[in-house]
Amino acid sequence: MFRRRRRTGTGAHFFVAFSVALGNPDGPAPAPCRRKHHTRAPAPTSAHGHRPHRRHERVASGADAHTPSAANASQYLSAPMEDRQPPPGEKTSNRFTEASPTTVAKTLIAQASFVAALLFYLGALYASQYYGYFHLSLFALGLGFTDLVMRSTLVLRTPVMVAFIAVLIIAGLPRISTDSPLPHRVARSLSAAGDTLARFHLVIVAAGLILLINFRWVGPYVWSIPLLIAVGLLVGQTRDAKGNRPQGLRRRTLPALAAGVCLFWSLSLVTVQLGVRDAERDARRITERTGLLILSSKRLSLPSPTREEDLGAGLRHRYRYTNLRLLVEGRDGYYVVPVHWDHTTDPVYVIPHSEDAWVGLAPGVRPA
């Protein structure tokens, strides 16, 4: 009777290497071989009294060359993901430095698309609130993508930029270390303030939620409530001077997403408020807007204080109209209002593009 020979495959090699990593550099004890072997030199015994097979010795020696000891392995596994150092001899890769030009181009295109979409949204929101004050619909005006993006720059004013830059500075305070280029006393004070904010970030979020329930307390500064909540969430997510930072989906990803939503909400509230405020200011100073001069071959039904003049029957454009102010040129024509326009009672007039009417633009009346 012949007995089948035991084969040591990949599973045995893995098991030997795993046992080496756990602190047994000599590997597990081999099963007793039933075949008769030729006379060989006695193999060195391990600390446990086992004589490993030569193949096991080769595997163990290879594992010793590439596998850390038990103490080093436990230290490596217990370290945070971002602080782990690769074993000696292992090549490190940086996805940012080794990124191909195509990857960089795709990243830039994605970021530019996001910024363009954000500017378009802000411009559309601002224009909707501004022209809505004059009883006009944004969709009826037919404004294009470029027009709305250009109007979004009206939102980026000094108070808004100062507020959001202050949020970024406050969120970055926990990152300041005493080894920074700042003076030691200043760096220590800022680091202590950042640590305090990071420690009590839930108090900041709770204060924002209380103000959100009682939003009438803040009056016209409602946009500051979601901004305060975003500050609390961002401060709680930044790394402090000791390098501690929350990890995981629940403790890091969800709060960061909520902070982004709050920032977007705050920016939208600011845009709505600025659109209505600018419309009210322009309505009070309607005479400062661009003046409109109309020459028409037919009489137009424009109310007072629009001034009508008859230039004579021998002219093609016989009638002349002044004391009008231009709001915007839309898809259907010119949207105009008379001077001393009232938001509550007066309408907006549309002068269509026609060969029977000639439109001229004139400077408005500037304040003395």
Protein backbone atom coordinates (compact mmCIF):
# COMPACT_ATOMS: atom_id res chain seq x y z
CA MET A 1 0.00 0.00 0.00
CA PHE A 2 1.25 3.44 -0.93
CA ARG A 3 0.54 6.42 1.15
CA ARG A 4 -0.23 9.82 -0.37
CA ARG A 5 2.43 12.40 0.22
CA ARG A 6 1.41 15.52 2.10
CA ARG A 7 1.86 18.67 0.09
CA THR A 8 2.67 22.00 1.62
CA GLY A 9 0.84 24.58 -0.48
CA THR A 10 0.11 28.27 -0.36
CA GLY A 11 -2.15 27.91 2.65
CA ALA A 12 0.70 26.46 4.73
CA HIS A 13 3.02 29.28 3.66
CA PHE A 14 0.44 31.88 4.70
CA PHE A 15 -0.13 30.16 8.02
CA VAL A 16 3.62 30.07 8.71
CA ALA A 17 4.04 33.75 7.83
CA PHE A 18 1.06 34.68 10.04
CA SER A 19 2.52 32.74 12.97
CA VAL A 20 5.82 34.57 12.48
CA ALA A 21 4.02 37.91 12.65
CA LEU A 22 2.43 36.81 15.93
CA GLY A 23 5.79 36.21 17.56
CA ASN A 24 6.80 32.64 16.57
CA PRO A 25 9.69 33.18 14.15
CA ASP A 26 10.27 29.46 13.73
CA GLY A 27 6.78 28.76 12.42
CA PRO A 28 4.40 26.02 13.56
CA ALA A 29 5.45 22.52 14.30
CA PRO A 30 5.45 20.37 11.16
CA ALA A 31 3.41 17.22 10.97
CA PRO A 32 5.47 14.07 11.37
CA CYS A 33 6.55 12.77 8.00
CA ARG A 34 5.82 9.09 7.48
CA ARG A 35 8.28 8.61 4.64
CA LYS A 36 11.78 7.43 5.30
CA HIS A 37 14.34 10.16 4.76
CA HIS A 38 17.97 9.92 3.95
CA THR A 39 20.38 10.71 6.67
CA ARG A 40 20.71 14.47 7.02
CA ALA A 41 22.29 16.83 9.41
CA PRO A 42 20.03 17.45 12.39
CA ALA A 43 18.00 20.59 11.94
CA PRO A 44 18.15 23.17 14.70
CA THR A 45 15.27 22.96 17.06
CA SER A 46 13.11 25.92 17.91
CA ALA A 47 12.45 27.34 21.33
CA HIS A 48 9.41 25.06 21.61
CA GLY A 49 11.35 21.88 20.83
CA HIS A 50 10.06 21.43 17.26
CA ARG A 51 12.14 20.71 14.22
CA PRO A 52 10.68 22.61 11.29
CA HIS A 53 10.77 21.20 7.78
CA ARG A 54 13.37 22.72 5.45
CA ARG A 55 10.62 24.17 3.31
CA HIS A 56 9.18 25.71 6.43
CA GLU A 57 12.59 27.07 7.25
CA ARG A 58 12.79 28.77 3.87
CA VAL A 59 9.33 30.25 4.31
CA ALA A 60 10.12 31.39 7.83
CA SER A 61 13.40 32.96 6.74
CA GLY A 62 11.59 34.81 3.92
CA ALA A 63 8.91 35.98 6.31
CA ASP A 64 11.57 37.18 8.75
CA ALA A 65 13.07 39.31 6.01
CA HIS A 66 9.83 41.09 5.18
CA THR A 67 7.58 40.74 8.26
CA PRO A 68 7.96 42.92 11.37
CA SER A 69 8.17 41.43 14.78
CA ALA A 70 5.16 41.06 17.04
CA ALA A 71 5.86 44.31 18.89
CA ASN A 72 6.38 46.27 15.68
CA ALA A 73 3.31 44.70 14.08
CA SER A 74 1.07 45.57 17.00
CA GLN A 75 2.46 49.12 17.04
CA TYR A 76 1.90 49.46 13.29
CA LEU A 77 -1.67 48.15 13.45
CA SER A 78 -2.61 50.32 16.40
CA ALA A 79 -1.40 53.54 14.77
CA PRO A 80 -3.95 55.81 13.03
CA MET A 81 -4.38 55.36 9.30
CA GLU A 82 -2.86 58.70 8.35
CA ASP A 83 0.15 58.20 10.73
CA ARG A 84 1.15 54.68 9.66
CA GLN A 85 4.60 54.38 8.23
CA PRO A 86 5.32 51.66 5.67
CA PRO A 87 7.71 48.86 6.62
CA PRO A 88 11.37 49.30 5.62
CA GLY A 89 11.98 48.53 1.98
CA GLU A 90 8.37 49.12 0.89
CA LYS A 91 7.87 51.79 -1.76
CA THR A 92 5.47 54.59 -0.94
CA SER A 93 3.21 56.19 -3.52
CA ASN A 94 1.59 59.61 -3.55
CA ARG A 95 -1.52 59.81 -5.66
CA PHE A 96 -1.20 63.58 -5.90
CA THR A 97 2.39 63.71 -7.12
CA GLU A 98 1.99 60.67 -9.39
CA ALA A 99 -1.33 61.82 -10.88
CA SER A 100 -1.43 61.84 -14.65
CA PRO A 101 -2.24 65.03 -16.59
CA THR A 102 -5.60 63.52 -17.49
CA THR A 103 -6.49 63.06 -13.82
CA VAL A 104 -5.44 66.61 -12.99
CA ALA A 105 -7.47 67.96 -15.92
CA LYS A 106 -10.55 66.01 -14.82
CA THR A 107 -10.19 67.33 -11.27
CA LEU A 108 -9.87 70.92 -12.45
CA ILE A 109 -12.85 70.54 -14.79
CA ALA A 110 -14.98 69.08 -11.98
CA GLN A 111 -14.08 71.93 -9.62
CA ALA A 112 -14.67 74.57 -12.30
CA SER A 113 -18.05 73.02 -13.10
CA PHE A 114 -19.04 73.13 -9.45
CA VAL A 115 -18.02 76.80 -9.12
CA ALA A 116 -19.86 77.72 -12.33
CA ALA A 117 -23.02 75.94 -11.15
CA LEU A 118 -22.81 77.71 -7.78
CA LEU A 119 -22.39 81.13 -9.43
CA PHE A 120 -25.29 80.41 -11.78
CA TYR A 121 -27.52 79.47 -8.86
CA LEU A 122 -26.59 82.58 -6.89
CA GLY A 123 -27.09 84.82 -9.93
CA ALA A 124 -30.50 83.30 -10.69
CA LEU A 125 -31.56 83.63 -7.05
CA TYR A 126 -30.42 87.25 -6.87
CA ALA A 127 -32.07 88.22 -10.18
CA SER A 128 -35.29 86.48 -9.20
CA GLN A 129 -35.54 88.46 -5.96
CA TYR A 130 -34.44 91.74 -7.55
CA TYR A 131 -36.80 91.74 -10.54
CA GLY A 132 -39.55 90.11 -8.48
CA TYR A 133 -39.74 93.35 -6.52
CA PHE A 134 -40.67 95.07 -9.82
CA HIS A 135 -43.34 92.41 -10.55
CA LEU A 136 -41.23 90.65 -13.19
CA SER A 137 -40.58 86.97 -13.60
CA LEU A 138 -37.04 85.79 -14.21
CA PHE A 139 -38.23 83.26 -16.81
CA ALA A 140 -40.11 85.95 -18.76
CA LEU A 141 -36.94 88.05 -19.08
CA GLY A 142 -35.05 85.28 -20.84
CA LEU A 143 -31.67 85.99 -19.25
CA GLY A 144 -28.86 83.70 -20.34
CA PHE A 145 -26.23 81.77 -18.41
CA THR A 146 -23.60 84.50 -18.73
CA ASP A 147 -25.98 87.22 -17.53
CA LEU A 148 -26.87 85.28 -14.40
CA VAL A 149 -23.26 84.39 -13.62
CA MET A 150 -22.29 88.06 -13.92
CA ARG A 151 -25.10 89.04 -11.55
CA SER A 152 -23.81 86.57 -8.97
CA THR A 153 -20.79 88.83 -8.45
CA LEU A 154 -23.16 91.35 -6.84
CA VAL A 155 -23.45 88.95 -3.91
CA LEU A 156 -19.69 88.81 -3.29
CA ARG A 157 -19.48 92.02 -1.31
CA THR A 158 -17.22 93.07 1.50
CA PRO A 159 -19.48 92.07 4.45
CA VAL A 160 -20.24 88.67 2.93
CA MET A 161 -16.60 87.94 2.13
CA VAL A 162 -15.49 89.07 5.59
CA ALA A 163 -18.06 86.80 7.25
CA PHE A 164 -17.06 83.68 5.31
CA ILE A 165 -13.33 84.36 5.66
CA ALA A 166 -13.87 84.72 9.41
CA VAL A 167 -15.57 81.31 9.39
CA LEU A 168 -12.56 79.75 7.67
CA ILE A 169 -10.16 81.38 10.14
CA ILE A 170 -12.17 80.19 13.16
CA ALA A 171 -12.41 76.67 11.71
CA GLY A 172 -8.62 76.63 11.25
CA LEU A 173 -7.74 77.75 14.79
CA PRO A 174 -7.44 74.17 16.15
CA ARG A 175 -4.77 73.47 13.49
CA ILE A 176 -2.43 76.15 14.82
CA SER A 177 0.51 74.67 16.68
CA THR A 178 3.07 76.33 18.92
CA ASP A 179 5.69 75.44 16.28
CA SER A 180 4.05 77.75 13.70
CA PRO A 181 5.91 80.82 12.33
CA LEU A 182 3.74 83.08 14.51
CA PRO A 183 5.18 84.48 17.74
CA HIS A 184 5.12 81.90 20.48
CA ARG A 185 2.71 83.83 22.70
CA VAL A 186 0.29 84.51 19.84
CA ALA A 187 0.46 80.92 18.58
CA ARG A 188 -0.13 79.58 22.08
CA SER A 189 -3.15 81.84 22.61
CA LEU A 190 -4.67 80.96 19.23
CA SER A 191 -4.03 77.25 19.78
CA ALA A 192 -5.68 77.41 23.22
CA ALA A 193 -8.67 79.25 21.75
CA GLY A 194 -8.96 76.67 18.97
CA ASP A 195 -8.78 73.79 21.43
CA THR A 196 -11.51 75.40 23.53
CA LEU A 197 -13.77 75.86 20.49
CA ALA A 198 -13.15 72.29 19.37
CA ARG A 199 -13.94 70.99 22.86
CA PHE A 200 -17.21 72.94 23.09
CA HIS A 201 -18.30 72.71 19.45
CA LEU A 202 -21.53 70.99 20.45
CA VAL A 203 -22.42 74.05 22.55
CA ILE A 204 -22.00 76.23 19.45
CA VAL A 205 -24.23 73.92 17.44
CA ALA A 206 -26.84 73.89 20.21
CA ALA A 207 -26.81 77.71 20.35
CA GLY A 208 -27.39 77.81 16.60
CA LEU A 209 -30.33 75.42 16.88
CA ILE A 210 -31.88 77.52 19.64
CA LEU A 211 -31.56 80.65 17.49
CA LEU A 212 -33.03 78.73 14.55
CA ILE A 213 -36.16 78.00 16.57
CA ASN A 214 -36.38 81.64 17.68
CA PHE A 215 -35.14 83.25 14.47
CA ARG A 216 -37.00 86.50 15.15
CA TRP A 217 -34.43 87.32 17.81
CA VAL A 218 -31.75 88.07 15.23
CA GLY A 219 -33.92 90.26 12.99
CA PRO A 220 -32.42 90.77 9.51
CA TYR A 221 -29.40 88.60 10.34
CA VAL A 222 -31.16 85.27 9.90
CA TRP A 223 -28.37 84.14 7.58
CA SER A 224 -26.00 84.10 10.59
CA ILE A 225 -27.86 81.19 12.23
CA PRO A 226 -26.87 78.44 9.74
CA LEU A 227 -23.44 80.07 9.57
CA LEU A 228 -23.06 79.60 13.33
CA ILE A 229 -24.12 75.95 13.07
CA ALA A 230 -21.58 75.42 10.28
CA VAL A 231 -18.84 76.96 12.44
CA GLY A 232 -19.60 74.56 15.28
CA LEU A 233 -19.57 71.53 12.97
CA LEU A 234 -16.37 72.56 11.20
CA VAL A 235 -14.50 73.34 14.41
CA GLY A 236 -15.42 69.93 15.75
CA GLN A 237 -14.02 68.23 12.65
CA THR A 238 -10.66 69.97 12.33
CA ARG A 239 -7.51 68.42 13.69
CA ASP A 240 -6.14 69.95 16.84
CA ALA A 241 -2.49 70.67 17.63
CA LYS A 242 -1.99 67.10 18.92
CA GLY A 243 -3.18 65.60 15.66
CA ASN A 244 -6.46 64.18 16.98
CA ARG A 245 -9.33 64.14 14.52
CA PRO A 246 -12.67 62.29 14.39
CA GLN A 247 -12.82 59.31 12.07
CA GLY A 248 -15.59 57.32 10.45
CA LEU A 249 -18.81 58.03 8.61
CA ARG A 250 -20.88 59.08 11.60
CA ARG A 251 -18.30 61.24 13.33
CA ARG A 252 -16.65 62.90 10.32
CA THR A 253 -18.47 62.53 6.99
CA LEU A 254 -22.00 63.33 8.14
CA PRO A 255 -21.04 66.43 10.19
CA ALA A 256 -18.91 67.72 7.31
CA LEU A 257 -21.84 67.25 4.92
CA ALA A 258 -24.18 69.02 7.33
CA ALA A 259 -21.71 71.92 7.61
CA GLY A 260 -21.62 72.25 3.82
CA VAL A 261 -25.41 72.33 3.68
CA CYS A 262 -25.51 75.03 6.36
CA LEU A 263 -22.96 77.15 4.48
CA PHE A 264 -24.99 76.81 1.28
CA TRP A 265 -28.15 77.72 3.19
CA SER A 266 -26.53 80.79 4.72
CA LEU A 267 -25.24 81.96 1.34
CA SER A 268 -28.71 81.56 -0.17
CA LEU A 269 -30.29 83.63 2.60
CA VAL A 270 -27.71 86.37 2.07
CA THR A 271 -28.41 86.37 -1.67
CA VAL A 272 -32.17 86.71 -1.15
CA GLN A 273 -31.70 89.52 1.34
CA LEU A 274 -29.30 91.43 -0.92
CA GLY A 275 -31.59 91.09 -3.94
CA VAL A 276 -34.58 92.56 -2.13
CA ARG A 277 -32.51 95.28 -0.49
CA ASP A 278 -30.95 96.39 -3.78
CA ALA A 279 -34.36 96.49 -5.47
CA GLU A 280 -35.79 98.66 -2.70
CA ARG A 281 -32.84 101.03 -2.92
CA ASP A 282 -33.08 101.34 -6.71
CA ALA A 283 -36.85 101.91 -6.49
CA ARG A 284 -36.30 104.81 -4.12
CA ARG A 285 -33.66 106.28 -6.44
CA ILE A 286 -35.34 105.40 -9.71
CA THR A 287 -34.33 108.69 -11.32
CA GLU A 288 -30.67 107.65 -11.14
CA ARG A 289 -31.19 104.71 -13.48
CA THR A 290 -30.61 104.87 -17.23
CA GLY A 291 -33.14 107.14 -18.94
CA LEU A 292 -35.17 106.00 -21.94
CA LEU A 293 -36.19 108.13 -24.93
CA ILE A 294 -38.87 106.72 -27.25
CA LEU A 295 -39.72 107.99 -30.76
CA SER A 296 -42.84 106.32 -32.12
CA SER A 297 -44.92 106.60 -35.25
CA LYS A 298 -48.05 105.92 -33.21
CA ARG A 299 -49.29 107.24 -29.94
CA LEU A 300 -48.47 105.13 -26.90
CA SER A 301 -50.65 104.82 -23.83
CA LEU A 302 -48.09 105.77 -21.20
CA PRO A 303 -49.43 107.47 -18.05
CA SER A 304 -48.19 110.53 -16.26
CA PRO A 305 -45.52 111.61 -15.37
CA THR A 306 -44.37 110.36 -18.78
CA ARG A 307 -43.99 113.40 -21.04
CA GLU A 308 -45.42 113.17 -24.59
CA GLU A 309 -44.43 115.54 -27.42
CA ASP A 310 -45.81 115.80 -30.96
CA LEU A 311 -42.94 116.56 -33.35
CA GLY A 312 -45.12 117.12 -36.43
CA ALA A 313 -46.92 115.16 -39.12
CA GLY A 314 -43.99 115.23 -41.54
CA LEU A 315 -41.80 112.92 -39.45
CA ARG A 316 -41.90 109.16 -39.49
CA HIS A 317 -41.54 108.94 -35.71
CA ARG A 318 -43.90 111.71 -34.78
CA TYR A 319 -44.34 111.20 -31.04
CA ARG A 320 -41.62 111.56 -28.45
CA TYR A 321 -41.78 110.15 -24.88
CA THR A 322 -39.46 110.96 -22.00
CA ASN A 323 -39.33 110.66 -18.19
CA LEU A 324 -38.90 106.90 -18.39
CA ARG A 325 -36.30 104.73 -16.73
CA LEU A 326 -34.94 101.43 -17.98
CA LEU A 327 -35.06 98.37 -15.74
CA VAL A 328 -33.70 95.70 -18.06
CA GLU A 329 -33.69 94.70 -21.70
CA GLY A 330 -35.29 91.32 -21.96
CA ARG A 331 -36.25 88.88 -24.65
CA ASP A 332 -39.50 90.66 -25.56
CA GLY A 333 -38.26 94.25 -25.43
CA TYR A 334 -37.41 97.02 -22.97
CA TYR A 335 -38.89 96.92 -19.48
CA VAL A 336 -39.38 100.52 -18.34
CA VAL A 337 -40.97 102.41 -15.46
CA PRO A 338 -41.89 106.09 -15.18
CA VAL A 339 -40.09 108.38 -12.78
CA HIS A 340 -41.59 108.50 -9.27
CA TRP A 341 -42.57 104.86 -9.69
CA ASP A 342 -44.41 103.30 -6.74
CA HIS A 343 -43.92 99.64 -5.89
CA THR A 344 -47.43 99.14 -4.55
CA THR A 345 -49.51 100.81 -7.31
CA ASP A 346 -47.54 101.43 -10.53
CA PRO A 347 -47.02 98.81 -13.26
CA VAL A 348 -43.99 98.09 -15.43
CA TYR A 349 -44.30 98.79 -19.18
CA VAL A 350 -42.81 96.72 -21.99
CA ILE A 351 -41.65 98.51 -25.14
CA PRO A 352 -41.39 95.74 -27.77
CA HIS A 353 -38.73 95.61 -30.45
CA SER A 354 -40.46 97.15 -33.47
CA GLU A 355 -39.70 99.20 -36.56
CA ASP A 356 -42.45 101.64 -35.55
CA ALA A 357 -40.52 102.74 -32.45
CA TRP A 358 -37.00 104.07 -31.94
CA VAL A 359 -35.44 103.78 -28.49
CA GLY A 360 -32.60 105.88 -27.18
CA LEU A 361 -30.71 105.60 -23.91
CA ALA A 362 -29.76 108.61 -21.83
CA PRO A 363 -27.94 109.07 -18.50
CA GLY A 364 -30.08 109.26 -15.41
CA VAL A 365 -30.23 112.15 -12.99
CA ARG A 366 -27.32 111.94 -10.61
CA PRO A 367 -27.68 113.22 -7.05
CA ALA A 368 -26.04 116.55 -6.35
